Amino acid sequence: MPNDVDSLLPLNPRAFYVLLSLAEDDRHGYAIAKAVESITGGSVRLTPGTLYPLVHQLLTDRWILELPEDAADPRRRRYRLSALGKRIAQAEARRLDALVRVARSFDLLPSATRA
């Protein structure tokens, strides 16, 4: 039975990275950009011109939530992964995992090592 979010897949990779960064912790924009850079080993860098329109869309779609102002720095907006955003990220992770399993079955990737 298909998941109710499967029709939203595949995700834009940058959107997936933002969701992944928020799965770990609530973050403000700069921290999201730094987390994505870390997750990707520096291969993906989100500039403000890319990040903030993406954050705006994720907020509009309710995949992420904006948290109340931070008393320490009210200029910084912090974001949290919503329940819907988590389900979408999980569905995308399952989709990617299935693709990797197919690639391994065709010897395009080495088999996963077992502990």
N, C-alpha and C. Protein backbone atom coordinates (compact mmCIF):
# COMPACT_ATOMS: atom_id res chain seq x y z
N MET A 1 0.84 -1.19 0.00
CA MET A 1 0.00 0.00 0.00
C MET A 1 0.88 1.24 0.00
N PRO A 2 0.72 2.15 -0.95
CA PRO A 2 1.57 3.33 -0.99
C PRO A 2 1.31 4.25 0.20
N ASN A 3 2.38 4.88 0.64
CA ASN A 3 2.30 5.85 1.72
C ASN A 3 1.58 7.10 1.20
N ASP A 4 0.86 7.80 2.06
CA ASP A 4 0.13 9.00 1.63
C ASP A 4 1.04 10.12 1.15
N VAL A 5 2.32 10.06 1.45
CA VAL A 5 3.25 11.10 1.00
C VAL A 5 4.05 10.68 -0.24
N ASP A 6 3.86 9.46 -0.69
CA ASP A 6 4.64 8.98 -1.84
C ASP A 6 4.44 9.82 -3.09
N SER A 7 3.28 10.44 -3.23
CA SER A 7 3.03 11.26 -4.42
C SER A 7 3.90 12.52 -4.44
N LEU A 8 4.52 12.86 -3.31
CA LEU A 8 5.40 14.03 -3.23
C LEU A 8 6.84 13.72 -3.63
N LEU A 9 7.11 12.45 -3.86
CA LEU A 9 8.47 12.01 -4.17
C LEU A 9 8.70 11.94 -5.66
N PRO A 10 9.92 12.05 -6.13
CA PRO A 10 11.15 12.28 -5.38
C PRO A 10 11.27 13.74 -4.94
N LEU A 11 12.00 13.93 -3.86
CA LEU A 11 12.23 15.27 -3.35
C LEU A 11 13.39 15.94 -4.07
N ASN A 12 13.34 17.24 -4.12
CA ASN A 12 14.51 18.02 -4.52
C ASN A 12 15.60 17.69 -3.50
N PRO A 13 16.81 17.33 -3.93
CA PRO A 13 17.85 16.96 -2.96
C PRO A 13 18.10 18.03 -1.90
N ARG A 14 18.07 19.29 -2.28
CA ARG A 14 18.31 20.34 -1.28
C ARG A 14 17.20 20.37 -0.23
N ALA A 15 15.97 20.15 -0.65
CA ALA A 15 14.86 20.08 0.32
C ALA A 15 15.07 18.90 1.26
N PHE A 16 15.50 17.78 0.73
CA PHE A 16 15.76 16.61 1.57
C PHE A 16 16.86 16.89 2.58
N TYR A 17 17.92 17.55 2.15
CA TYR A 17 19.00 17.90 3.08
C TYR A 17 18.51 18.83 4.18
N VAL A 18 17.65 19.77 3.86
CA VAL A 18 17.10 20.66 4.89
C VAL A 18 16.28 19.84 5.88
N LEU A 19 15.44 18.94 5.37
CA LEU A 19 14.65 18.09 6.27
C LEU A 19 15.56 17.23 7.14
N LEU A 20 16.62 16.68 6.55
CA LEU A 20 17.56 15.88 7.33
C LEU A 20 18.21 16.71 8.43
N SER A 21 18.60 17.94 8.11
CA SER A 21 19.26 18.78 9.10
C SER A 21 18.32 19.09 10.27
N LEU A 22 17.04 19.21 9.99
CA LEU A 22 16.07 19.49 11.04
C LEU A 22 15.61 18.23 11.77
N ALA A 23 15.86 17.07 11.21
CA ALA A 23 15.53 15.81 11.90
C ALA A 23 16.42 15.65 13.12
N GLU A 24 17.60 16.23 13.05
CA GLU A 24 18.56 16.12 14.14
C GLU A 24 18.26 17.10 15.27
N ASP A 25 17.87 18.34 14.90
CA ASP A 25 17.69 19.37 15.91
C ASP A 25 16.97 20.57 15.30
N ASP A 26 16.37 21.41 16.13
CA ASP A 26 15.82 22.69 15.67
C ASP A 26 17.00 23.57 15.29
N ARG A 27 16.84 24.37 14.23
CA ARG A 27 17.95 25.21 13.78
C ARG A 27 17.44 26.50 13.17
N HIS A 28 18.30 27.51 13.20
CA HIS A 28 18.04 28.73 12.45
C HIS A 28 18.68 28.57 11.08
N GLY A 29 18.42 29.51 10.18
CA GLY A 29 18.85 29.38 8.79
C GLY A 29 20.33 29.10 8.61
N TYR A 30 21.18 29.88 9.25
CA TYR A 30 22.62 29.69 9.09
C TYR A 30 23.03 28.29 9.58
N ALA A 31 22.43 27.85 10.69
CA ALA A 31 22.76 26.51 11.22
C ALA A 31 22.28 25.42 10.28
N ILE A 32 21.15 25.64 9.60
CA ILE A 32 20.69 24.68 8.59
C ILE A 32 21.72 24.58 7.48
N ALA A 33 22.16 25.73 6.98
CA ALA A 33 23.16 25.74 5.90
C ALA A 33 24.43 25.02 6.31
N LYS A 34 24.90 25.26 7.52
CA LYS A 34 26.12 24.61 8.00
C LYS A 34 25.91 23.10 8.19
N ALA A 35 24.74 22.71 8.67
CA ALA A 35 24.45 21.27 8.83
C ALA A 35 24.41 20.58 7.48
N VAL A 36 23.80 21.20 6.48
CA VAL A 36 23.75 20.61 5.14
C VAL A 36 25.16 20.48 4.58
N GLU A 37 25.97 21.49 4.78
CA GLU A 37 27.35 21.42 4.32
C GLU A 37 28.08 20.25 5.00
N SER A 38 27.83 20.07 6.29
CA SER A 38 28.46 18.97 7.02
C SER A 38 27.93 17.60 6.56
N ILE A 39 26.61 17.49 6.41
CA ILE A 39 25.99 16.23 5.97
C ILE A 39 26.55 15.79 4.62
N THR A 40 26.81 16.74 3.75
CA THR A 40 27.24 16.43 2.39
C THR A 40 28.76 16.47 2.21
N GLY A 41 29.48 16.61 3.31
CA GLY A 41 30.93 16.69 3.21
C GLY A 41 31.39 17.90 2.42
N GLY A 42 30.58 18.95 2.44
CA GLY A 42 30.94 20.19 1.75
C GLY A 42 30.54 20.24 0.29
N SER A 43 29.93 19.19 -0.23
CA SER A 43 29.58 19.18 -1.66
C SER A 43 28.33 20.00 -1.96
N VAL A 44 27.51 20.27 -0.95
CA VAL A 44 26.32 21.11 -1.14
C VAL A 44 26.42 22.27 -0.17
N ARG A 45 26.37 23.47 -0.74
CA ARG A 45 26.38 24.69 0.07
C ARG A 45 25.13 25.49 -0.29
N LEU A 46 24.35 25.77 0.71
CA LEU A 46 23.12 26.52 0.50
C LEU A 46 23.38 28.00 0.79
N THR A 47 23.32 28.81 -0.25
CA THR A 47 23.47 30.25 -0.08
C THR A 47 22.13 30.80 0.43
N PRO A 48 22.14 31.99 0.99
CA PRO A 48 20.87 32.58 1.43
C PRO A 48 19.84 32.67 0.30
N GLY A 49 20.29 32.92 -0.91
CA GLY A 49 19.38 33.02 -2.04
C GLY A 49 18.74 31.70 -2.42
N THR A 50 19.34 30.61 -2.03
CA THR A 50 18.77 29.28 -2.25
C THR A 50 18.02 28.80 -1.01
N LEU A 51 18.62 29.00 0.15
CA LEU A 51 18.06 28.48 1.40
C LEU A 51 16.73 29.12 1.76
N TYR A 52 16.66 30.43 1.77
CA TYR A 52 15.47 31.07 2.31
C TYR A 52 14.22 30.90 1.44
N PRO A 53 14.31 30.91 0.11
CA PRO A 53 13.12 30.55 -0.66
C PRO A 53 12.68 29.10 -0.40
N LEU A 54 13.64 28.21 -0.21
CA LEU A 54 13.33 26.82 0.09
C LEU A 54 12.66 26.71 1.46
N VAL A 55 13.20 27.40 2.46
CA VAL A 55 12.59 27.40 3.80
C VAL A 55 11.17 27.96 3.71
N HIS A 56 10.99 29.04 2.96
CA HIS A 56 9.65 29.62 2.80
C HIS A 56 8.67 28.60 2.21
N GLN A 57 9.11 27.86 1.19
CA GLN A 57 8.24 26.85 0.58
C GLN A 57 7.94 25.72 1.56
N LEU A 58 8.95 25.28 2.30
CA LEU A 58 8.75 24.20 3.27
C LEU A 58 7.78 24.64 4.37
N LEU A 59 7.85 25.91 4.77
CA LEU A 59 6.90 26.45 5.75
C LEU A 59 5.49 26.49 5.16
N THR A 60 5.38 26.97 3.93
CA THR A 60 4.08 27.07 3.26
C THR A 60 3.44 25.69 3.14
N ASP A 61 4.26 24.69 2.81
CA ASP A 61 3.75 23.31 2.65
C ASP A 61 3.58 22.59 3.99
N ARG A 62 3.99 23.24 5.06
CA ARG A 62 3.90 22.70 6.43
C ARG A 62 4.79 21.49 6.67
N TRP A 63 5.90 21.44 5.94
CA TRP A 63 6.88 20.38 6.18
C TRP A 63 7.78 20.76 7.34
N ILE A 64 7.92 22.06 7.59
CA ILE A 64 8.67 22.55 8.74
C ILE A 64 7.81 23.61 9.43
N LEU A 65 8.17 23.89 10.69
CA LEU A 65 7.45 24.88 11.49
C LEU A 65 8.43 25.96 11.94
N GLU A 66 7.94 27.19 12.03
CA GLU A 66 8.76 28.27 12.59
C GLU A 66 8.47 28.33 14.08
N LEU A 67 9.52 28.37 14.88
CA LEU A 67 9.38 28.42 16.33
C LEU A 67 9.25 29.87 16.80
N PRO A 68 8.73 30.08 18.00
CA PRO A 68 8.65 31.45 18.54
C PRO A 68 10.03 32.09 18.59
N GLU A 69 10.04 33.43 18.62
CA GLU A 69 11.30 34.17 18.66
C GLU A 69 12.19 33.71 19.79
N ASP A 70 13.48 33.71 19.52
CA ASP A 70 14.49 33.38 20.51
C ASP A 70 14.76 34.66 21.31
N ALA A 71 14.55 34.59 22.62
CA ALA A 71 14.77 35.78 23.46
C ALA A 71 16.21 36.26 23.37
N ALA A 72 17.15 35.34 23.20
CA ALA A 72 18.56 35.71 23.13
C ALA A 72 18.88 36.47 21.85
N ASP A 73 18.20 36.15 20.75
CA ASP A 73 18.43 36.82 19.48
C ASP A 73 17.14 36.81 18.67
N PRO A 74 16.26 37.80 18.88
CA PRO A 74 14.95 37.79 18.20
C PRO A 74 15.03 37.94 16.68
N ARG A 75 16.21 38.29 16.14
CA ARG A 75 16.35 38.40 14.69
C ARG A 75 16.43 37.04 14.02
N ARG A 76 16.86 36.04 14.76
CA ARG A 76 17.02 34.70 14.20
C ARG A 76 15.73 33.91 14.32
N ARG A 77 15.30 33.38 13.20
CA ARG A 77 14.13 32.51 13.19
C ARG A 77 14.62 31.07 13.25
N ARG A 78 14.01 30.31 14.12
CA ARG A 78 14.38 28.90 14.24
C ARG A 78 13.26 28.04 13.67
N TYR A 79 13.67 26.88 13.15
CA TYR A 79 12.74 26.00 12.46
C TYR A 79 12.82 24.60 13.05
N ARG A 80 11.71 23.89 12.92
CA ARG A 80 11.60 22.51 13.42
C ARG A 80 10.92 21.68 12.34
N LEU A 81 11.33 20.43 12.24
CA LEU A 81 10.69 19.48 11.33
C LEU A 81 9.30 19.18 11.86
N SER A 82 8.28 19.29 11.01
CA SER A 82 6.91 18.96 11.41
C SER A 82 6.71 17.44 11.31
N ALA A 83 5.61 16.97 11.85
CA ALA A 83 5.28 15.54 11.75
C ALA A 83 5.15 15.14 10.27
N LEU A 84 4.52 16.01 9.48
CA LEU A 84 4.40 15.74 8.03
C LEU A 84 5.78 15.72 7.39
N GLY A 85 6.61 16.69 7.72
CA GLY A 85 7.96 16.73 7.17
C GLY A 85 8.76 15.47 7.50
N LYS A 86 8.58 14.97 8.71
CA LYS A 86 9.27 13.74 9.11
C LYS A 86 8.80 12.56 8.28
N ARG A 87 7.48 12.46 8.06
CA ARG A 87 6.95 11.37 7.24
C ARG A 87 7.46 11.46 5.81
N ILE A 88 7.55 12.67 5.29
CA ILE A 88 8.06 12.87 3.93
C ILE A 88 9.53 12.48 3.85
N ALA A 89 10.33 12.91 4.83
CA ALA A 89 11.75 12.57 4.84
C ALA A 89 11.94 11.05 4.97
N GLN A 90 11.13 10.41 5.78
CA GLN A 90 11.21 8.95 5.93
C GLN A 90 10.87 8.26 4.61
N ALA A 91 9.83 8.74 3.94
CA ALA A 91 9.44 8.14 2.66
C ALA A 91 10.55 8.31 1.63
N GLU A 92 11.17 9.48 1.59
CA GLU A 92 12.27 9.71 0.64
C GLU A 92 13.46 8.82 0.98
N ALA A 93 13.76 8.65 2.26
CA ALA A 93 14.85 7.77 2.67
C ALA A 93 14.58 6.33 2.24
N ARG A 94 13.33 5.88 2.41
CA ARG A 94 12.97 4.52 1.96
C ARG A 94 13.11 4.39 0.45
N ARG A 95 12.69 5.42 -0.28
CA ARG A 95 12.79 5.40 -1.75
C ARG A 95 14.26 5.31 -2.17
N LEU A 96 15.10 6.10 -1.54
CA LEU A 96 16.53 6.07 -1.88
C LEU A 96 17.17 4.74 -1.49
N ASP A 97 16.76 4.19 -0.36
CA ASP A 97 17.27 2.89 0.07
C ASP A 97 16.91 1.81 -0.95
N ALA A 98 15.69 1.85 -1.46
CA ALA A 98 15.28 0.87 -2.47
C ALA A 98 16.12 1.01 -3.74
N LEU A 99 16.42 2.25 -4.13
CA LEU A 99 17.27 2.47 -5.31
C LEU A 99 18.67 1.92 -5.09
N VAL A 100 19.20 2.11 -3.91
CA VAL A 100 20.54 1.59 -3.61
C VAL A 100 20.53 0.07 -3.65
N ARG A 101 19.46 -0.55 -3.12
CA ARG A 101 19.38 -2.02 -3.17
C ARG A 101 19.36 -2.52 -4.61
N VAL A 102 18.65 -1.84 -5.49
CA VAL A 102 18.62 -2.22 -6.91
C VAL A 102 20.01 -2.05 -7.52
N ALA A 103 20.66 -0.93 -7.23
CA ALA A 103 22.00 -0.70 -7.77
C ALA A 103 22.96 -1.80 -7.31
N ARG A 104 22.84 -2.23 -6.06
CA ARG A 104 23.70 -3.32 -5.56
C ARG A 104 23.38 -4.63 -6.27
N SER A 105 22.10 -4.86 -6.57
CA SER A 105 21.73 -6.11 -7.24
C SER A 105 22.32 -6.18 -8.65
N PHE A 106 22.63 -5.02 -9.24
CA PHE A 106 23.25 -4.96 -10.56
C PHE A 106 24.75 -4.75 -10.46
N ASP A 107 25.31 -4.96 -9.27
CA ASP A 107 26.74 -4.79 -9.03
C ASP A 107 27.25 -3.39 -9.39
N LEU A 108 26.41 -2.41 -9.22
CA LEU A 108 26.83 -1.03 -9.44
C LEU A 108 27.41 -0.41 -8.18
N LEU A 109 27.10 -1.03 -7.04
CA LEU A 109 27.65 -0.62 -5.75
C LEU A 109 28.07 -1.89 -5.02
N PRO A 110 29.07 -1.77 -4.16
CA PRO A 110 29.45 -2.96 -3.38
C PRO A 110 28.34 -3.35 -2.41
N SER A 111 28.29 -4.61 -2.08
CA SER A 111 27.30 -5.10 -1.11
C SER A 111 27.55 -4.44 0.23
N ALA A 112 26.47 -4.23 0.98
CA ALA A 112 26.60 -3.67 2.32
C ALA A 112 27.29 -4.68 3.21
N THR A 113 28.18 -4.20 4.05
CA THR A 113 28.88 -5.09 4.97
C THR A 113 27.99 -5.33 6.18
N ARG A 114 28.07 -6.49 6.71
CA ARG A 114 27.27 -6.86 7.88
C ARG A 114 28.19 -6.95 9.09
N ALA A 115 27.68 -6.46 10.20
CA ALA A 115 28.48 -6.49 11.46
C ALA A 115 28.44 -7.85 12.09
